[in-house]
Amino acid sequence: MNKIRFSFFFYIFLFCTGTGFSQQVISLYGDNIPNSKSVPDKEEKIFNKLVDTVVTNISIPKLIVFLPPEERSTGTAVIIVPGGGYHALLIYREGRRIAEAFNRVGVAAFVLKYRLPNDRIMLDKSIGPLQDAQEAIKIVRQRASEWNINTHSIGIMGFSAGGHLAATVGTHFDHAFIENKKNISLRPDFMLLINPVISFTDSIGHLGSRNNLLGLSPSEIKIKFYSNELQVNNRTPSTFLVHTTTDSVVSPKNSLFFFKALQRNGVPVELHLYGKGEHGFLTAPPFDEWFGRCLYWMKMEDWVK
């Protein structure tokens, strides 16, 4: 028990004191944001004691780049997609601190600040976040040599509604919603889904996320399209899933149904279910527990050495 406590607080110490890994912020599109209305940027940052920084009203998507020292680089990269119900982004707890943890084991990390669906800023809000996630994968592959990354070792990690977006990328990579003249692969090589929203069905889906992305009266076609457990095939990337059985916000059935769909299609998958813990793992399981299992899976799948 003392060892577990020490490890947990050691991580907290590292997150509070910083890591010194190089980072930069880049715009996904420059001045030509697709599917965008010309409106003033109204991004807001709100401090929250539990999650540190909550960002809302994002209309200009960005990628925050975290690179490990070149001599420690494994060549693997992970694009991190924070959650927030398609209404906000938990940019520190489900973004920056994860990126820093990946850098410590030699993995390049990219925190995606994607547009939050809003009719005020988008022509079609249902595809805006997916466009940004696909553009992020395209950029990382395009600039892989610059960032010392293997183009075949680029994964995506998502939390909650960010998990839905990550899973959407991993099941819809053959549908390009962005300009892609060089036909760069938009398929992530692996997925890490943390208490994810997977489904938009009435029975197990997270209706708050669905309403924010698709509106209050979505068509059955769109509900099916964005219910990712229904979109799995044998080309879906290998996947790591973690959830708690006591999650009262996003039903663990989301992870279970996705796990079963992946198994049916012969896709390598690993699922961890914890008997205690709330949505977002605010108190349990501790970070080093679930993240350690994530790293172990990546090692067993040869994504990290």
C-alpha atoms as a PDB file:
ATOM      1  CA  MET A   1       0.000   0.000   0.000  1.00  0.00           C
ATOM      2  CA  ASN A   2       2.807   2.443   0.877  1.00  0.00           C
ATOM      3  CA  LYS A   3       4.468   1.690  -2.463  1.00  0.00           C
ATOM      4  CA  ILE A   4       1.223   2.430  -4.315  1.00  0.00           C
ATOM      5  CA  ARG A   5       0.775   5.720  -2.446  1.00  0.00           C
ATOM      6  CA  PHE A   6       4.362   6.735  -3.133  1.00  0.00           C
ATOM      7  CA  SER A   7       3.996   5.971  -6.831  1.00  0.00           C
ATOM      8  CA  PHE A   8       0.739   7.921  -7.064  1.00  0.00           C
ATOM      9  CA  PHE A   9       2.117  11.009  -5.340  1.00  0.00           C
ATOM     10  CA  PHE A  10       5.333  10.755  -7.344  1.00  0.00           C
ATOM     11  CA  TYR A  11       3.257  11.139 -10.515  1.00  0.00           C
ATOM     12  CA  ILE A  12       1.382  14.070  -8.988  1.00  0.00           C
ATOM     13  CA  PHE A  13       4.734  15.687  -8.142  1.00  0.00           C
ATOM     14  CA  LEU A  14       5.938  15.253 -11.710  1.00  0.00           C
ATOM     15  CA  PHE A  15       2.749  16.737 -13.138  1.00  0.00           C
ATOM     16  CA  CYS A  16       2.935  19.760 -10.849  1.00  0.00           C
ATOM     17  CA  THR A  17       6.615  20.496 -11.388  1.00  0.00           C
ATOM     18  CA  GLY A  18       6.678  20.020 -15.182  1.00  0.00           C
ATOM     19  CA  THR A  19       8.919  17.892 -17.361  1.00  0.00           C
ATOM     20  CA  GLY A  20      10.900  20.188 -19.592  1.00  0.00           C
ATOM     21  CA  PHE A  21       9.917  18.260 -22.751  1.00  0.00           C
ATOM     22  CA  SER A  22       9.729  20.393 -25.868  1.00  0.00           C
ATOM     23  CA  GLN A  23       6.304  21.571 -26.949  1.00  0.00           C
ATOM     24  CA  GLN A  24       4.723  23.876 -29.474  1.00  0.00           C
ATOM     25  CA  VAL A  25       1.211  24.830 -30.577  1.00  0.00           C
ATOM     26  CA  ILE A  26       0.294  24.643 -34.249  1.00  0.00           C
ATOM     27  CA  SER A  27      -2.895  25.550 -36.073  1.00  0.00           C
ATOM     28  CA  LEU A  28      -4.548  22.651 -37.872  1.00  0.00           C
ATOM     29  CA  TYR A  29      -5.614  24.626 -40.926  1.00  0.00           C
ATOM     30  CA  GLY A  30      -4.214  28.143 -40.744  1.00  0.00           C
ATOM     31  CA  ASP A  31      -6.775  30.660 -41.943  1.00  0.00           C
ATOM     32  CA  ASN A  32      -8.770  28.222 -44.070  1.00  0.00           C
ATOM     33  CA  ILE A  33     -10.780  26.198 -41.560  1.00  0.00           C
ATOM     34  CA  PRO A  34     -13.162  23.883 -43.440  1.00  0.00           C
ATOM     35  CA  ASN A  35     -16.862  23.744 -42.611  1.00  0.00           C
ATOM     36  CA  SER A  36     -16.489  26.999 -40.683  1.00  0.00           C
ATOM     37  CA  LYS A  37     -18.525  30.187 -40.488  1.00  0.00           C
ATOM     38  CA  SER A  38     -16.742  33.507 -40.191  1.00  0.00           C
ATOM     39  CA  VAL A  39     -17.345  34.387 -36.534  1.00  0.00           C
ATOM     40  CA  PRO A  40     -15.198  35.886 -33.750  1.00  0.00           C
ATOM     41  CA  ASP A  41     -13.205  33.405 -31.651  1.00  0.00           C
ATOM     42  CA  LYS A  42     -14.788  33.081 -28.195  1.00  0.00           C
ATOM     43  CA  GLU A  43     -12.630  30.400 -26.591  1.00  0.00           C
ATOM     44  CA  GLU A  44     -12.894  30.409 -22.796  1.00  0.00           C
ATOM     45  CA  LYS A  45     -10.740  28.785 -20.116  1.00  0.00           C
ATOM     46  CA  ILE A  46     -12.331  27.939 -16.787  1.00  0.00           C
ATOM     47  CA  PHE A  47     -10.374  26.807 -13.734  1.00  0.00           C
ATOM     48  CA  ASN A  48     -11.846  23.775 -11.987  1.00  0.00           C
ATOM     49  CA  LYS A  49     -10.390  22.234  -8.823  1.00  0.00           C
ATOM     50  CA  LEU A  50     -10.935  18.661 -10.015  1.00  0.00           C
ATOM     51  CA  VAL A  51      -9.727  18.863 -13.597  1.00  0.00           C
ATOM     52  CA  ASP A  52      -7.579  22.028 -13.516  1.00  0.00           C
ATOM     53  CA  THR A  53      -8.466  23.616 -16.862  1.00  0.00           C
ATOM     54  CA  VAL A  54     -11.734  23.332 -18.786  1.00  0.00           C
ATOM     55  CA  VAL A  55     -11.828  24.893 -22.255  1.00  0.00           C
ATOM     56  CA  THR A  56     -15.099  25.760 -24.013  1.00  0.00           C
ATOM     57  CA  ASN A  57     -16.243  27.540 -27.196  1.00  0.00           C
ATOM     58  CA  ILE A  58     -13.330  26.315 -29.307  1.00  0.00           C
ATOM     59  CA  SER A  59     -13.667  27.522 -32.879  1.00  0.00           C
ATOM     60  CA  ILE A  60      -9.999  27.519 -33.965  1.00  0.00           C
ATOM     61  CA  PRO A  61      -8.603  23.965 -33.724  1.00  0.00           C
ATOM     62  CA  LYS A  62      -4.987  23.454 -32.678  1.00  0.00           C
ATOM     63  CA  LEU A  63      -2.501  20.694 -32.011  1.00  0.00           C
ATOM     64  CA  ILE A  64      -0.240  20.939 -28.950  1.00  0.00           C
ATOM     65  CA  VAL A  65       2.982  19.080 -29.716  1.00  0.00           C
ATOM     66  CA  PHE A  66       4.952  17.329 -26.957  1.00  0.00           C
ATOM     67  CA  LEU A  67       8.210  15.693 -28.047  1.00  0.00           C
ATOM     68  CA  PRO A  68      10.548  13.575 -25.937  1.00  0.00           C
ATOM     69  CA  PRO A  69      14.317  14.080 -26.218  1.00  0.00           C
ATOM     70  CA  GLU A  70      15.489  12.634 -29.531  1.00  0.00           C
ATOM     71  CA  GLU A  71      17.796  10.120 -27.857  1.00  0.00           C
ATOM     72  CA  ARG A  72      14.839   8.652 -25.922  1.00  0.00           C
ATOM     73  CA  SER A  73      12.324   8.623 -28.763  1.00  0.00           C
ATOM     74  CA  THR A  74      10.704   5.272 -29.545  1.00  0.00           C
ATOM     75  CA  GLY A  75       9.282   6.488 -32.864  1.00  0.00           C
ATOM     76  CA  THR A  76       5.732   5.983 -31.590  1.00  0.00           C
ATOM     77  CA  ALA A  77       3.229   8.845 -31.366  1.00  0.00           C
ATOM     78  CA  VAL A  78      -0.186   9.225 -29.754  1.00  0.00           C
ATOM     79  CA  ILE A  79      -2.779  11.856 -30.619  1.00  0.00           C
ATOM     80  CA  ILE A  80      -4.677  12.605 -27.395  1.00  0.00           C
ATOM     81  CA  VAL A  81      -8.347  13.611 -27.599  1.00  0.00           C
ATOM     82  CA  PRO A  82      -9.708  15.083 -24.347  1.00  0.00           C
ATOM     83  CA  GLY A  83     -13.312  14.573 -23.341  1.00  0.00           C
ATOM     84  CA  GLY A  84     -16.061  16.880 -22.166  1.00  0.00           C
ATOM     85  CA  GLY A  85     -19.315  15.702 -23.714  1.00  0.00           C
ATOM     86  CA  TYR A  86     -18.694  17.582 -26.997  1.00  0.00           C
ATOM     87  CA  HIS A  87     -19.329  20.707 -24.909  1.00  0.00           C
ATOM     88  CA  ALA A  88     -15.916  21.359 -23.325  1.00  0.00           C
ATOM     89  CA  LEU A  89     -12.403  19.909 -23.189  1.00  0.00           C
ATOM     90  CA  LEU A  90     -10.566  18.800 -20.054  1.00  0.00           C
ATOM     91  CA  ILE A  91      -7.342  20.075 -21.500  1.00  0.00           C
ATOM     92  CA  TYR A  92      -4.998  19.316 -18.586  1.00  0.00           C
ATOM     93  CA  ARG A  93      -6.239  16.158 -16.901  1.00  0.00           C
ATOM     94  CA  GLU A  94      -7.077  14.407 -20.177  1.00  0.00           C
ATOM     95  CA  GLY A  95      -4.491  16.190 -22.285  1.00  0.00           C
ATOM     96  CA  ARG A  96      -1.284  17.797 -21.088  1.00  0.00           C
ATOM     97  CA  ARG A  97      -0.562  15.466 -18.158  1.00  0.00           C
ATOM     98  CA  ILE A  98      -1.081  12.419 -20.393  1.00  0.00           C
ATOM     99  CA  ALA A  99       1.260  13.875 -23.020  1.00  0.00           C
ATOM    100  CA  GLU A 100       3.967  14.467 -20.431  1.00  0.00           C
ATOM    101  CA  ALA A 101       3.605  10.910 -19.147  1.00  0.00           C
ATOM    102  CA  PHE A 102       4.023   9.552 -22.676  1.00  0.00           C
ATOM    103  CA  ASN A 103       7.101  11.734 -23.219  1.00  0.00           C
ATOM    104  CA  ARG A 104       8.741  10.196 -20.162  1.00  0.00           C
ATOM    105  CA  VAL A 105       8.694   6.802 -21.886  1.00  0.00           C
ATOM    106  CA  GLY A 106       9.849   8.179 -25.240  1.00  0.00           C
ATOM    107  CA  VAL A 107       6.467   8.494 -26.959  1.00  0.00           C
ATOM    108  CA  ALA A 108       5.655  11.673 -28.859  1.00  0.00           C
ATOM    109  CA  ALA A 109       2.252  13.090 -27.928  1.00  0.00           C
ATOM    110  CA  PHE A 110      -0.144  15.545 -29.552  1.00  0.00           C
ATOM    111  CA  VAL A 111      -3.055  17.053 -27.621  1.00  0.00           C
ATOM    112  CA  LEU A 112      -5.921  17.884 -29.968  1.00  0.00           C
ATOM    113  CA  LYS A 113      -7.938  21.032 -29.265  1.00  0.00           C
ATOM    114  CA  TYR A 114     -10.805  20.214 -31.600  1.00  0.00           C
ATOM    115  CA  ARG A 115     -13.760  22.395 -32.486  1.00  0.00           C
ATOM    116  CA  LEU A 116     -16.747  21.873 -30.241  1.00  0.00           C
ATOM    117  CA  PRO A 117     -19.935  21.349 -32.278  1.00  0.00           C
ATOM    118  CA  ASN A 118     -21.971  24.504 -32.502  1.00  0.00           C
ATOM    119  CA  ASP A 119     -24.295  25.763 -35.240  1.00  0.00           C
ATOM    120  CA  ARG A 120     -22.960  29.272 -34.603  1.00  0.00           C
ATOM    121  CA  ILE A 121     -19.499  28.424 -35.920  1.00  0.00           C
ATOM    122  CA  MET A 122     -20.050  25.444 -38.268  1.00  0.00           C
ATOM    123  CA  LEU A 123     -22.002  24.725 -41.417  1.00  0.00           C
ATOM    124  CA  ASP A 124     -22.388  21.091 -40.308  1.00  0.00           C
ATOM    125  CA  LYS A 125     -21.494  20.634 -36.640  1.00  0.00           C
ATOM    126  CA  SER A 126     -21.789  16.828 -36.809  1.00  0.00           C
ATOM    127  CA  ILE A 127     -18.582  16.481 -38.844  1.00  0.00           C
ATOM    128  CA  GLY A 128     -16.474  19.301 -37.363  1.00  0.00           C
ATOM    129  CA  PRO A 129     -14.710  17.311 -34.600  1.00  0.00           C
ATOM    130  CA  LEU A 130     -14.106  14.379 -36.979  1.00  0.00           C
ATOM    131  CA  GLN A 131     -12.563  16.727 -39.539  1.00  0.00           C
ATOM    132  CA  ASP A 132     -10.155  18.050 -36.909  1.00  0.00           C
ATOM    133  CA  ALA A 133      -9.157  14.571 -35.716  1.00  0.00           C
ATOM    134  CA  GLN A 134      -8.544  13.397 -39.291  1.00  0.00           C
ATOM    135  CA  GLU A 135      -6.496  16.524 -40.011  1.00  0.00           C
ATOM    136  CA  ALA A 136      -4.414  15.847 -36.889  1.00  0.00           C
ATOM    137  CA  ILE A 137      -3.553  12.345 -38.110  1.00  0.00           C
ATOM    138  CA  LYS A 138      -2.712  13.730 -41.552  1.00  0.00           C
ATOM    139  CA  ILE A 139      -0.392  16.393 -40.092  1.00  0.00           C
ATOM    140  CA  VAL A 140       1.435  13.965 -37.809  1.00  0.00           C
ATOM    141  CA  ARG A 141       2.027  11.573 -40.727  1.00  0.00           C
ATOM    142  CA  GLN A 142       3.119  14.414 -43.013  1.00  0.00           C
ATOM    143  CA  ARG A 143       5.637  15.727 -40.482  1.00  0.00           C
ATOM    144  CA  ALA A 144       6.709  12.379 -39.046  1.00  0.00           C
ATOM    145  CA  SER A 145      10.345  12.623 -40.121  1.00  0.00           C
ATOM    146  CA  GLU A 146      10.606  16.119 -38.629  1.00  0.00           C
ATOM    147  CA  TRP A 147       9.299  14.823 -35.296  1.00  0.00           C
ATOM    148  CA  ASN A 148      11.256  11.532 -35.352  1.00  0.00           C
ATOM    149  CA  ILE A 149       8.100   9.416 -35.692  1.00  0.00           C
ATOM    150  CA  ASN A 150       7.475   6.129 -37.494  1.00  0.00           C
ATOM    151  CA  THR A 151       4.545   6.723 -39.879  1.00  0.00           C
ATOM    152  CA  HIS A 152       3.216   3.242 -39.035  1.00  0.00           C
ATOM    153  CA  SER A 153       3.241   3.820 -35.252  1.00  0.00           C
ATOM    154  CA  ILE A 154       0.699   6.597 -34.824  1.00  0.00           C
ATOM    155  CA  GLY A 155      -2.118   5.889 -32.395  1.00  0.00           C
ATOM    156  CA  ILE A 156      -5.078   7.833 -31.054  1.00  0.00           C
ATOM    157  CA  MET A 157      -6.238   8.060 -27.443  1.00  0.00           C
ATOM    158  CA  GLY A 158      -9.602   9.396 -26.324  1.00  0.00           C
ATOM    159  CA  PHE A 159     -11.391  10.039 -23.051  1.00  0.00           C
ATOM    160  CA  SER A 160     -15.184   9.900 -22.669  1.00  0.00           C
ATOM    161  CA  ALA A 161     -16.642  11.904 -25.601  1.00  0.00           C
ATOM    162  CA  GLY A 162     -13.055  12.220 -26.813  1.00  0.00           C
ATOM    163  CA  GLY A 163     -13.106   8.428 -26.808  1.00  0.00           C
ATOM    164  CA  HIS A 164     -16.132   8.587 -29.079  1.00  0.00           C
ATOM    165  CA  LEU A 165     -14.256  10.873 -31.450  1.00  0.00           C
ATOM    166  CA  ALA A 166     -11.183   8.616 -31.361  1.00  0.00           C
ATOM    167  CA  ALA A 167     -13.311   5.536 -32.039  1.00  0.00           C
ATOM    168  CA  THR A 168     -15.080   7.377 -34.867  1.00  0.00           C
ATOM    169  CA  VAL A 169     -11.690   8.077 -36.452  1.00  0.00           C
ATOM    170  CA  GLY A 170     -10.766   4.418 -36.016  1.00  0.00           C
ATOM    171  CA  THR A 171     -13.937   3.109 -37.667  1.00  0.00           C
ATOM    172  CA  HIS A 172     -14.455   5.744 -40.395  1.00  0.00           C
ATOM    173  CA  PHE A 173     -10.956   6.245 -41.788  1.00  0.00           C
ATOM    174  CA  ASP A 174     -12.127   5.350 -45.314  1.00  0.00           C
ATOM    175  CA  HIS A 175     -14.465   8.375 -45.276  1.00  0.00           C
ATOM    176  CA  ALA A 176     -12.300  11.492 -45.651  1.00  0.00           C
ATOM    177  CA  PHE A 177     -14.046  14.638 -44.397  1.00  0.00           C
ATOM    178  CA  ILE A 178     -11.002  16.811 -45.115  1.00  0.00           C
ATOM    179  CA  GLU A 179      -8.959  17.726 -48.167  1.00  0.00           C
ATOM    180  CA  ASN A 180      -6.422  14.945 -48.652  1.00  0.00           C
ATOM    181  CA  LYS A 181      -4.878  15.365 -52.110  1.00  0.00           C
ATOM    182  CA  LYS A 182      -1.870  13.164 -51.316  1.00  0.00           C
ATOM    183  CA  ASN A 183      -4.152  10.374 -50.062  1.00  0.00           C
ATOM    184  CA  ILE A 184      -2.338  10.144 -46.728  1.00  0.00           C
ATOM    185  CA  SER A 185      -3.705   7.331 -44.569  1.00  0.00           C
ATOM    186  CA  LEU A 186      -6.197   8.636 -41.987  1.00  0.00           C
ATOM    187  CA  ARG A 187      -6.251   5.313 -40.160  1.00  0.00           C
ATOM    188  CA  PRO A 188      -4.710   5.308 -36.676  1.00  0.00           C
ATOM    189  CA  ASP A 189      -2.431   2.321 -36.097  1.00  0.00           C
ATOM    190  CA  PHE A 190      -3.927   1.651 -32.649  1.00  0.00           C
ATOM    191  CA  MET A 191      -6.536   3.072 -30.276  1.00  0.00           C
ATOM    192  CA  LEU A 192      -6.509   3.713 -26.536  1.00  0.00           C
ATOM    193  CA  LEU A 193     -10.066   4.360 -25.301  1.00  0.00           C
ATOM    194  CA  ILE A 194     -10.563   5.508 -21.700  1.00  0.00           C
ATOM    195  CA  ASN A 195     -14.115   5.292 -20.273  1.00  0.00           C
ATOM    196  CA  PRO A 196     -15.267   6.035 -23.814  1.00  0.00           C
ATOM    197  CA  VAL A 197     -18.594   6.960 -25.272  1.00  0.00           C
ATOM    198  CA  ILE A 198     -18.913   4.449 -28.115  1.00  0.00           C
ATOM    199  CA  SER A 199     -22.586   4.303 -28.964  1.00  0.00           C
ATOM    200  CA  PHE A 200     -25.280   6.870 -29.783  1.00  0.00           C
ATOM    201  CA  THR A 201     -28.095   4.337 -29.534  1.00  0.00           C
ATOM    202  CA  ASP A 202     -30.929   4.983 -27.091  1.00  0.00           C
ATOM    203  CA  SER A 203     -30.152   1.870 -25.050  1.00  0.00           C
ATOM    204  CA  ILE A 204     -26.485   2.383 -24.078  1.00  0.00           C
ATOM    205  CA  GLY A 205     -25.374   5.640 -25.707  1.00  0.00           C
ATOM    206  CA  HIS A 206     -24.509   8.878 -23.962  1.00  0.00           C
ATOM    207  CA  LEU A 207     -27.376  11.096 -25.035  1.00  0.00           C
ATOM    208  CA  GLY A 208     -25.753  14.333 -23.872  1.00  0.00           C
ATOM    209  CA  SER A 209     -22.829  13.807 -26.233  1.00  0.00           C
ATOM    210  CA  ARG A 210     -25.206  12.748 -29.003  1.00  0.00           C
ATOM    211  CA  ASN A 211     -27.385  15.822 -28.583  1.00  0.00           C
ATOM    212  CA  ASN A 212     -24.380  18.145 -28.641  1.00  0.00           C
ATOM    213  CA  LEU A 213     -22.939  16.572 -31.782  1.00  0.00           C
ATOM    214  CA  LEU A 214     -26.061  15.679 -33.770  1.00  0.00           C
ATOM    215  CA  GLY A 215     -28.803  17.858 -32.322  1.00  0.00           C
ATOM    216  CA  LEU A 216     -31.962  16.895 -30.498  1.00  0.00           C
ATOM    217  CA  SER A 217     -33.637  15.047 -33.398  1.00  0.00           C
ATOM    218  CA  PRO A 218     -30.927  13.145 -35.289  1.00  0.00           C
ATOM    219  CA  SER A 219     -31.830  10.788 -38.110  1.00  0.00           C
ATOM    220  CA  GLU A 220     -31.506   7.054 -37.643  1.00  0.00           C
ATOM    221  CA  ILE A 221     -28.830   7.082 -40.349  1.00  0.00           C
ATOM    222  CA  LYS A 222     -26.653   9.477 -38.357  1.00  0.00           C
ATOM    223  CA  ILE A 223     -27.248   7.620 -35.100  1.00  0.00           C
ATOM    224  CA  LYS A 224     -26.068   4.417 -36.748  1.00  0.00           C
ATOM    225  CA  PHE A 225     -23.115   6.126 -38.442  1.00  0.00           C
ATOM    226  CA  TYR A 226     -21.859   7.471 -35.111  1.00  0.00           C
ATOM    227  CA  SER A 227     -22.593   4.301 -33.104  1.00  0.00           C
ATOM    228  CA  ASN A 228     -19.107   2.940 -33.519  1.00  0.00           C
ATOM    229  CA  GLU A 229     -19.834  -0.556 -32.227  1.00  0.00           C
ATOM    230  CA  LEU A 230     -21.901  -0.944 -35.429  1.00  0.00           C
ATOM    231  CA  GLN A 231     -19.056   0.255 -37.679  1.00  0.00           C
ATOM    232  CA  VAL A 232     -16.276  -2.190 -36.749  1.00  0.00           C
ATOM    233  CA  ASN A 233     -14.671  -4.346 -39.442  1.00  0.00           C
ATOM    234  CA  ASN A 234     -11.489  -6.384 -39.730  1.00  0.00           C
ATOM    235  CA  ARG A 235      -9.451  -3.260 -40.577  1.00  0.00           C
ATOM    236  CA  THR A 236     -10.364  -1.470 -37.359  1.00  0.00           C
ATOM    237  CA  PRO A 237      -7.136  -0.767 -35.419  1.00  0.00           C
ATOM    238  CA  SER A 238      -6.112  -2.868 -32.411  1.00  0.00           C
ATOM    239  CA  THR A 239      -7.611  -1.367 -29.270  1.00  0.00           C
ATOM    240  CA  PHE A 240      -7.042  -0.986 -25.527  1.00  0.00           C
ATOM    241  CA  LEU A 241     -10.178  -0.252 -23.474  1.00  0.00           C
ATOM    242  CA  VAL A 242     -10.560   0.681 -19.809  1.00  0.00           C
ATOM    243  CA  HIS A 243     -13.734   1.497 -17.877  1.00  0.00           C
ATOM    244  CA  THR A 244     -15.245   1.141 -14.399  1.00  0.00           C
ATOM    245  CA  THR A 245     -18.368  -0.903 -13.743  1.00  0.00           C
ATOM    246  CA  THR A 246     -19.600   1.875 -11.441  1.00  0.00           C
ATOM    247  CA  ASP A 247     -19.409   4.622 -14.076  1.00  0.00           C
ATOM    248  CA  SER A 248     -22.744   6.435 -13.717  1.00  0.00           C
ATOM    249  CA  VAL A 249     -22.093   8.888 -16.563  1.00  0.00           C
ATOM    250  CA  VAL A 250     -21.062   6.648 -19.459  1.00  0.00           C
ATOM    251  CA  SER A 251     -22.256   3.074 -19.176  1.00  0.00           C
ATOM    252  CA  PRO A 252     -19.486   0.448 -19.244  1.00  0.00           C
ATOM    253  CA  LYS A 253     -21.648  -1.299 -21.828  1.00  0.00           C
ATOM    254  CA  ASN A 254     -20.097   1.104 -24.321  1.00  0.00           C
ATOM    255  CA  SER A 255     -16.709  -0.550 -23.829  1.00  0.00           C
ATOM    256  CA  LEU A 256     -18.202  -4.030 -23.581  1.00  0.00           C
ATOM    257  CA  PHE A 257     -20.154  -3.742 -26.833  1.00  0.00           C
ATOM    258  CA  PHE A 258     -17.113  -2.352 -28.647  1.00  0.00           C
ATOM    259  CA  PHE A 259     -14.945  -5.137 -27.219  1.00  0.00           C
ATOM    260  CA  LYS A 260     -17.371  -7.763 -28.512  1.00  0.00           C
ATOM    261  CA  ALA A 261     -17.571  -6.140 -31.949  1.00  0.00           C
ATOM    262  CA  LEU A 262     -13.779  -6.087 -32.217  1.00  0.00           C
ATOM    263  CA  GLN A 263     -13.555  -9.728 -31.170  1.00  0.00           C
ATOM    264  CA  ARG A 264     -16.170 -10.766 -33.731  1.00  0.00           C
ATOM    265  CA  ASN A 265     -14.075  -9.144 -36.444  1.00  0.00           C
ATOM    266  CA  GLY A 266     -10.774 -10.641 -35.322  1.00  0.00           C
ATOM    267  CA  VAL A 267      -9.272  -7.330 -34.178  1.00  0.00           C
ATOM    268  CA  PRO A 268      -6.747  -7.555 -31.298  1.00  0.00           C
ATOM    269  CA  VAL A 269      -8.340  -5.974 -28.225  1.00  0.00           C
ATOM    270  CA  GLU A 270      -7.785  -5.782 -24.485  1.00  0.00           C
ATOM    271  CA  LEU A 271     -10.399  -4.624 -21.971  1.00  0.00           C
ATOM    272  CA  HIS A 272      -9.899  -3.706 -18.302  1.00  0.00           C
ATOM    273  CA  LEU A 273     -12.936  -3.241 -16.065  1.00  0.00           C
ATOM    274  CA  TYR A 274     -12.462  -1.867 -12.549  1.00  0.00           C
ATOM    275  CA  GLY A 275     -15.069  -2.635  -9.897  1.00  0.00           C
ATOM    276  CA  LYS A 276     -14.743   0.774  -8.263  1.00  0.00           C
ATOM    277  CA  GLY A 277     -14.215   4.263  -9.603  1.00  0.00           C
ATOM    278  CA  GLU A 278     -16.183   7.095 -11.113  1.00  0.00           C
ATOM    279  CA  HIS A 279     -16.280   8.543 -14.606  1.00  0.00           C
ATOM    280  CA  GLY A 280     -12.982  10.234 -15.336  1.00  0.00           C
ATOM    281  CA  PHE A 281     -11.151   8.238 -12.627  1.00  0.00           C
ATOM    282  CA  LEU A 282     -11.049  11.254 -10.308  1.00  0.00           C
ATOM    283  CA  THR A 283     -10.263   9.085  -7.270  1.00  0.00           C
ATOM    284  CA  ALA A 284     -10.044   5.518  -8.570  1.00  0.00           C
ATOM    285  CA  PRO A 285      -8.353   3.773 -10.190  1.00  0.00           C
ATOM    286  CA  PRO A 286      -5.195   5.859  -9.616  1.00  0.00           C
ATOM    287  CA  PHE A 287      -3.351   7.159 -12.639  1.00  0.00           C
ATOM    288  CA  ASP A 288      -0.327   4.880 -12.444  1.00  0.00           C
ATOM    289  CA  GLU A 289      -2.618   1.836 -12.210  1.00  0.00           C
ATOM    290  CA  TRP A 290      -4.651   2.318 -15.405  1.00  0.00           C
ATOM    291  CA  PHE A 291      -1.950   4.155 -17.336  1.00  0.00           C
ATOM    292  CA  GLY A 292       0.564   1.483 -16.398  1.00  0.00           C
ATOM    293  CA  ARG A 293      -1.704  -1.164 -17.915  1.00  0.00           C
ATOM    294  CA  CYS A 294      -2.024   0.985 -21.020  1.00  0.00           C
ATOM    295  CA  LEU A 295       1.770   1.165 -21.370  1.00  0.00           C
ATOM    296  CA  TYR A 296       2.084  -2.575 -20.747  1.00  0.00           C
ATOM    297  CA  TRP A 297      -0.387  -3.268 -23.569  1.00  0.00           C
ATOM    298  CA  MET A 298       1.540  -0.939 -25.864  1.00  0.00           C
ATOM    299  CA  LYS A 299       4.716  -2.816 -24.990  1.00  0.00           C
ATOM    300  CA  MET A 300       3.134  -6.215 -25.647  1.00  0.00           C
ATOM    301  CA  GLU A 301       1.865  -4.920 -29.009  1.00  0.00           C
ATOM    302  CA  ASP A 302       5.366  -3.587 -29.834  1.00  0.00           C
ATOM    303  CA  TRP A 303       4.335   0.079 -29.921  1.00  0.00           C
ATOM    304  CA  VAL A 304       6.911   0.877 -27.218  1.00  0.00           C
ATOM    305  CA  LYS A 305      10.108  -0.977 -26.369  1.00  0.00           C
END
